[in-house]
C-alpha atoms as a PDB file:
ATOM      1  CA  MET A   1     262.347  81.091 140.519  1.00  0.00           C
ATOM      2  CA  GLY A   2     261.168  82.783 143.679  1.00  0.00           C
ATOM      3  CA  ILE A   3     262.183  85.783 145.679  1.00  0.00           C
ATOM      4  CA  LYS A   4     262.464  85.475 149.417  1.00  0.00           C
ATOM      5  CA  VAL A   5     261.169  88.467 151.351  1.00  0.00           C
ATOM      6  CA  SER A   6     262.494  89.035 154.857  1.00  0.00           C
ATOM      7  CA  PRO A   7     259.941  88.921 157.678  1.00  0.00           C
ATOM      8  CA  THR A   8     260.668  92.578 158.521  1.00  0.00           C
ATOM      9  CA  LEU A   9     260.016  93.699 154.956  1.00  0.00           C
ATOM     10  CA  GLN A  10     256.875  91.554 154.810  1.00  0.00           C
ATOM     11  CA  ARG A  11     255.535  93.259 157.970  1.00  0.00           C
ATOM     12  CA  LYS A  12     256.185  96.658 156.383  1.00  0.00           C
ATOM     13  CA  ILE A  13     254.440  95.597 153.181  1.00  0.00           C
ATOM     14  CA  ASP A  14     251.479  94.302 155.207  1.00  0.00           C
ATOM     15  CA  SER A  15     251.337  97.596 157.135  1.00  0.00           C
ATOM     16  CA  ILE A  16     251.312  99.622 153.898  1.00  0.00           C
ATOM     17  CA  ASN A  17     248.589  97.389 152.458  1.00  0.00           C
ATOM     18  CA  GLU A  18     246.495  97.883 155.606  1.00  0.00           C
ATOM     19  CA  LEU A  19     246.893 101.681 155.469  1.00  0.00           C
ATOM     20  CA  THR A  20     245.899 101.716 151.805  1.00  0.00           C
ATOM     21  CA  GLU A  21     242.913  99.472 152.465  1.00  0.00           C
ATOM     22  CA  ASP A  22     241.760 101.758 155.296  1.00  0.00           C
ATOM     23  CA  ALA A  23     242.046 104.850 153.080  1.00  0.00           C
ATOM     24  CA  VAL A  24     240.028 103.167 150.311  1.00  0.00           C
ATOM     25  CA  GLU A  25     237.362 102.116 152.812  1.00  0.00           C
ATOM     26  CA  ARG A  26     237.072 105.644 154.235  1.00  0.00           C
ATOM     27  CA  LYS A  27     236.720 107.176 150.761  1.00  0.00           C
ATOM     28  CA  MET A  28     234.121 104.607 149.684  1.00  0.00           C
ATOM     29  CA  LEU A  29     232.166 105.095 152.919  1.00  0.00           C
ATOM     30  CA  ARG A  30     232.040 108.876 152.330  1.00  0.00           C
ATOM     31  CA  ILE A  31     230.758 108.305 148.803  1.00  0.00           C
ATOM     32  CA  ALA A  32     228.165 105.805 150.098  1.00  0.00           C
ATOM     33  CA  GLU A  33     226.916 108.315 152.670  1.00  0.00           C
ATOM     34  CA  ASP A  34     226.451 110.955 149.970  1.00  0.00           C
ATOM     35  CA  ILE A  35     224.765 108.547 147.559  1.00  0.00           C
ATOM     36  CA  VAL A  36     222.253 107.546 150.217  1.00  0.00           C
ATOM     37  CA  ARG A  37     221.727 111.151 151.356  1.00  0.00           C
ATOM     38  CA  LEU A  38     221.091 112.324 147.787  1.00  0.00           C
ATOM     39  CA  SER A  39     218.769 109.440 146.875  1.00  0.00           C
ATOM     40  CA  PRO A  40     215.084 110.282 146.913  1.00  0.00           C
ATOM     41  CA  VAL A  41     212.835 108.064 149.004  1.00  0.00           C
ATOM     42  CA  ASP A  42     209.205 107.320 148.190  1.00  0.00           C
ATOM     43  CA  THR A  43     208.704 103.548 148.324  1.00  0.00           C
ATOM     44  CA  GLY A  44     212.320 102.851 149.377  1.00  0.00           C
ATOM     45  CA  ALA A  45     212.974 100.748 146.277  1.00  0.00           C
ATOM     46  CA  PHE A  46     215.474 103.120 144.656  1.00  0.00           C
ATOM     47  CA  VAL A  47     217.560 103.892 147.731  1.00  0.00           C
ATOM     48  CA  ASN A  48     217.662 100.207 148.708  1.00  0.00           C
ATOM     49  CA  SER A  49     218.787  99.120 145.240  1.00  0.00           C
ATOM     50  CA  TRP A  50     222.297 100.538 145.708  1.00  0.00           C
ATOM     51  CA  SER A  51     225.155  98.013 145.767  1.00  0.00           C
ATOM     52  CA  PHE A  52     228.935  98.306 145.966  1.00  0.00           C
ATOM     53  CA  LYS A  53     230.933  95.849 143.866  1.00  0.00           C
ATOM     54  CA  ASP A  54     234.237  95.374 142.113  1.00  0.00           C
ATOM     55  CA  ASN A  55     232.541  94.445 138.838  1.00  0.00           C
ATOM     56  CA  LEU A  56     229.517  95.550 136.859  1.00  0.00           C
ATOM     57  CA  GLY A  57     227.520  92.343 137.195  1.00  0.00           C
ATOM     58  CA  GLY A  58     224.511  91.827 139.427  1.00  0.00           C
ATOM     59  CA  GLY A  59     223.611  94.081 142.314  1.00  0.00           C
ATOM     60  CA  ARG A  60     220.438  94.805 144.266  1.00  0.00           C
ATOM     61  CA  ARG A  61     217.270  95.349 142.263  1.00  0.00           C
ATOM     62  CA  LYS A  62     214.157  96.505 144.099  1.00  0.00           C
ATOM     63  CA  SER A  63     210.985  97.443 142.295  1.00  0.00           C
ATOM     64  CA  SER A  64     208.573 100.059 143.552  1.00  0.00           C
ATOM     65  CA  ALA A  65     205.609  98.244 141.961  1.00  0.00           C
ATOM     66  CA  GLY A  66     202.912  97.611 144.535  1.00  0.00           C
ATOM     67  CA  LYS A  67     204.868  99.129 147.421  1.00  0.00           C
ATOM     68  CA  PRO A  68     203.288 101.754 149.648  1.00  0.00           C
ATOM     69  CA  ARG A  69     204.454 105.303 149.056  1.00  0.00           C
ATOM     70  CA  GLY A  70     205.631 107.806 151.618  1.00  0.00           C
ATOM     71  CA  ARG A  71     208.012 105.492 153.464  1.00  0.00           C
ATOM     72  CA  ASN A  72     210.065 106.809 156.376  1.00  0.00           C
ATOM     73  CA  LYS A  73     213.027 108.417 154.599  1.00  0.00           C
ATOM     74  CA  GLU A  74     215.540 108.039 157.403  1.00  0.00           C
ATOM     75  CA  SER A  75     214.630 104.406 158.020  1.00  0.00           C
ATOM     76  CA  GLU A  76     214.988 103.500 154.334  1.00  0.00           C
ATOM     77  CA  ARG A  77     218.239 105.442 154.036  1.00  0.00           C
ATOM     78  CA  GLY A  78     219.541 103.684 157.145  1.00  0.00           C
ATOM     79  CA  LYS A  79     218.837 100.268 155.605  1.00  0.00           C
ATOM     80  CA  SER A  80     220.533 101.289 152.380  1.00  0.00           C
ATOM     81  CA  LEU A  81     223.627 102.666 154.100  1.00  0.00           C
ATOM     82  CA  ASN A  82     223.894  99.514 156.205  1.00  0.00           C
ATOM     83  CA  ASN A  83     223.832  97.392 153.040  1.00  0.00           C
ATOM     84  CA  LEU A  84     226.476  99.556 151.362  1.00  0.00           C
ATOM     85  CA  VAL A  85     228.757  99.546 154.413  1.00  0.00           C
ATOM     86  CA  ASN A  86     228.584  95.749 154.513  1.00  0.00           C
ATOM     87  CA  ASP A  87     229.308  95.578 150.767  1.00  0.00           C
ATOM     88  CA  ILE A  88     232.307  97.909 151.110  1.00  0.00           C
ATOM     89  CA  LEU A  89     233.801  96.105 154.084  1.00  0.00           C
ATOM     90  CA  LYS A  90     233.335  92.737 152.418  1.00  0.00           C
ATOM     91  CA  THR A  91     234.780  93.833 149.074  1.00  0.00           C
ATOM     92  CA  VAL A  92     237.704  95.929 150.295  1.00  0.00           C
ATOM     93  CA  ASP A  93     238.649  93.713 153.265  1.00  0.00           C
ATOM     94  CA  SER A  94     238.714  90.599 151.138  1.00  0.00           C
ATOM     95  CA  GLY A  95     241.266  92.286 148.908  1.00  0.00           C
ATOM     96  CA  SER A  96     238.948  91.674 146.022  1.00  0.00           C
ATOM     97  CA  THR A  97     240.596  92.475 142.722  1.00  0.00           C
ATOM     98  CA  ARG A  98     237.896  91.321 140.322  1.00  0.00           C
ATOM     99  CA  GLY A  99     239.001  87.719 140.547  1.00  0.00           C
ATOM    100  CA  SER A 100     240.204  85.034 142.883  1.00  0.00           C
ATOM    101  CA  VAL A 101     242.290  86.160 145.842  1.00  0.00           C
ATOM    102  CA  ARG A 102     245.881  84.976 145.856  1.00  0.00           C
ATOM    103  CA  SER A 103     248.451  85.323 148.591  1.00  0.00           C
ATOM    104  CA  GLY A 104     251.538  87.396 147.982  1.00  0.00           C
ATOM    105  CA  LEU A 105     252.448  90.932 147.071  1.00  0.00           C
ATOM    106  CA  GLU A 106     249.643  92.698 145.258  1.00  0.00           C
ATOM    107  CA  VAL A 107     249.305  96.217 144.010  1.00  0.00           C
ATOM    108  CA  SER A 108     245.747  96.740 142.953  1.00  0.00           C
ATOM    109  CA  ALA A 109     244.179  99.569 141.021  1.00  0.00           C
ATOM    110  CA  ALA A 110     240.936  97.698 140.611  1.00  0.00           C
ATOM    111  CA  ASN A 111     237.805  99.652 139.833  1.00  0.00           C
ATOM    112  CA  TYR A 112     234.977  99.707 142.327  1.00  0.00           C
ATOM    113  CA  TYR A 113     231.392 100.537 141.419  1.00  0.00           C
ATOM    114  CA  PHE A 114     228.295 101.820 143.140  1.00  0.00           C
ATOM    115  CA  LEU A 115     225.418 100.245 141.230  1.00  0.00           C
ATOM    116  CA  ASN A 116     221.700 100.840 141.305  1.00  0.00           C
ATOM    117  CA  ARG A 117     219.729  98.177 139.439  1.00  0.00           C
ATOM    118  CA  ALA A 118     216.228  99.439 140.286  1.00  0.00           C
ATOM    119  CA  PRO A 119     214.025  99.271 137.180  1.00  0.00           C
ATOM    120  CA  HIS A 120     213.440 103.012 137.471  1.00  0.00           C
ATOM    121  CA  ALA A 121     217.053 103.996 138.317  1.00  0.00           C
ATOM    122  CA  ILE A 122     217.747 105.819 135.055  1.00  0.00           C
ATOM    123  CA  SER A 123     214.580 107.919 135.238  1.00  0.00           C
ATOM    124  CA  VAL A 124     215.297 108.799 138.892  1.00  0.00           C
ATOM    125  CA  ASP A 125     218.813 109.874 137.965  1.00  0.00           C
ATOM    126  CA  LEU A 126     217.549 111.958 135.048  1.00  0.00           C
ATOM    127  CA  LYS A 127     215.240 113.783 137.448  1.00  0.00           C
ATOM    128  CA  HIS A 128     217.626 114.174 140.413  1.00  0.00           C
ATOM    129  CA  GLY A 129     221.097 114.068 138.810  1.00  0.00           C
ATOM    130  CA  ILE A 130     222.614 111.833 141.481  1.00  0.00           C
ATOM    131  CA  GLN A 131     225.546 110.679 139.322  1.00  0.00           C
ATOM    132  CA  ALA A 132     226.502 114.252 138.461  1.00  0.00           C
ATOM    133  CA  GLN A 133     226.251 115.366 142.074  1.00  0.00           C
ATOM    134  CA  ILE A 134     228.470 112.497 143.251  1.00  0.00           C
ATOM    135  CA  ARG A 135     231.042 113.265 140.544  1.00  0.00           C
ATOM    136  CA  ASN A 136     231.043 116.927 141.603  1.00  0.00           C
ATOM    137  CA  LEU A 137     231.569 115.964 145.246  1.00  0.00           C
ATOM    138  CA  HIS A 138     234.100 113.174 144.821  1.00  0.00           C
ATOM    139  CA  GLY A 139     235.612 113.524 141.360  1.00  0.00           C
END
């Protein structure tokens, strides 16, 4: 049994979905900017290990082993933010809901995650409290 949706109603539903998607993107972009701004930069490995995903698997993993120290902070942060923006646009625009995308009416409350898989991520967070700062800023 199927339900037929009028073209007018479908356009309204599509418009609401687009507005919601835009609001999610804006919020995620603000969080990404703060994550990158708060991340310390020495070799660039930590700041460039940030990923944005709709699941907890995988993500970028850069090691600082053997990398020169004292990297240009703004350059490394720029690379990281670029990666996160691309991740966000790809994930949110695709309507990703932790599984295959299906056409039709969808109401998603999927969880999104900012991940840092650098081998030294936990020790950096213990020293700089990035998670706590982001929670204080964005809830």
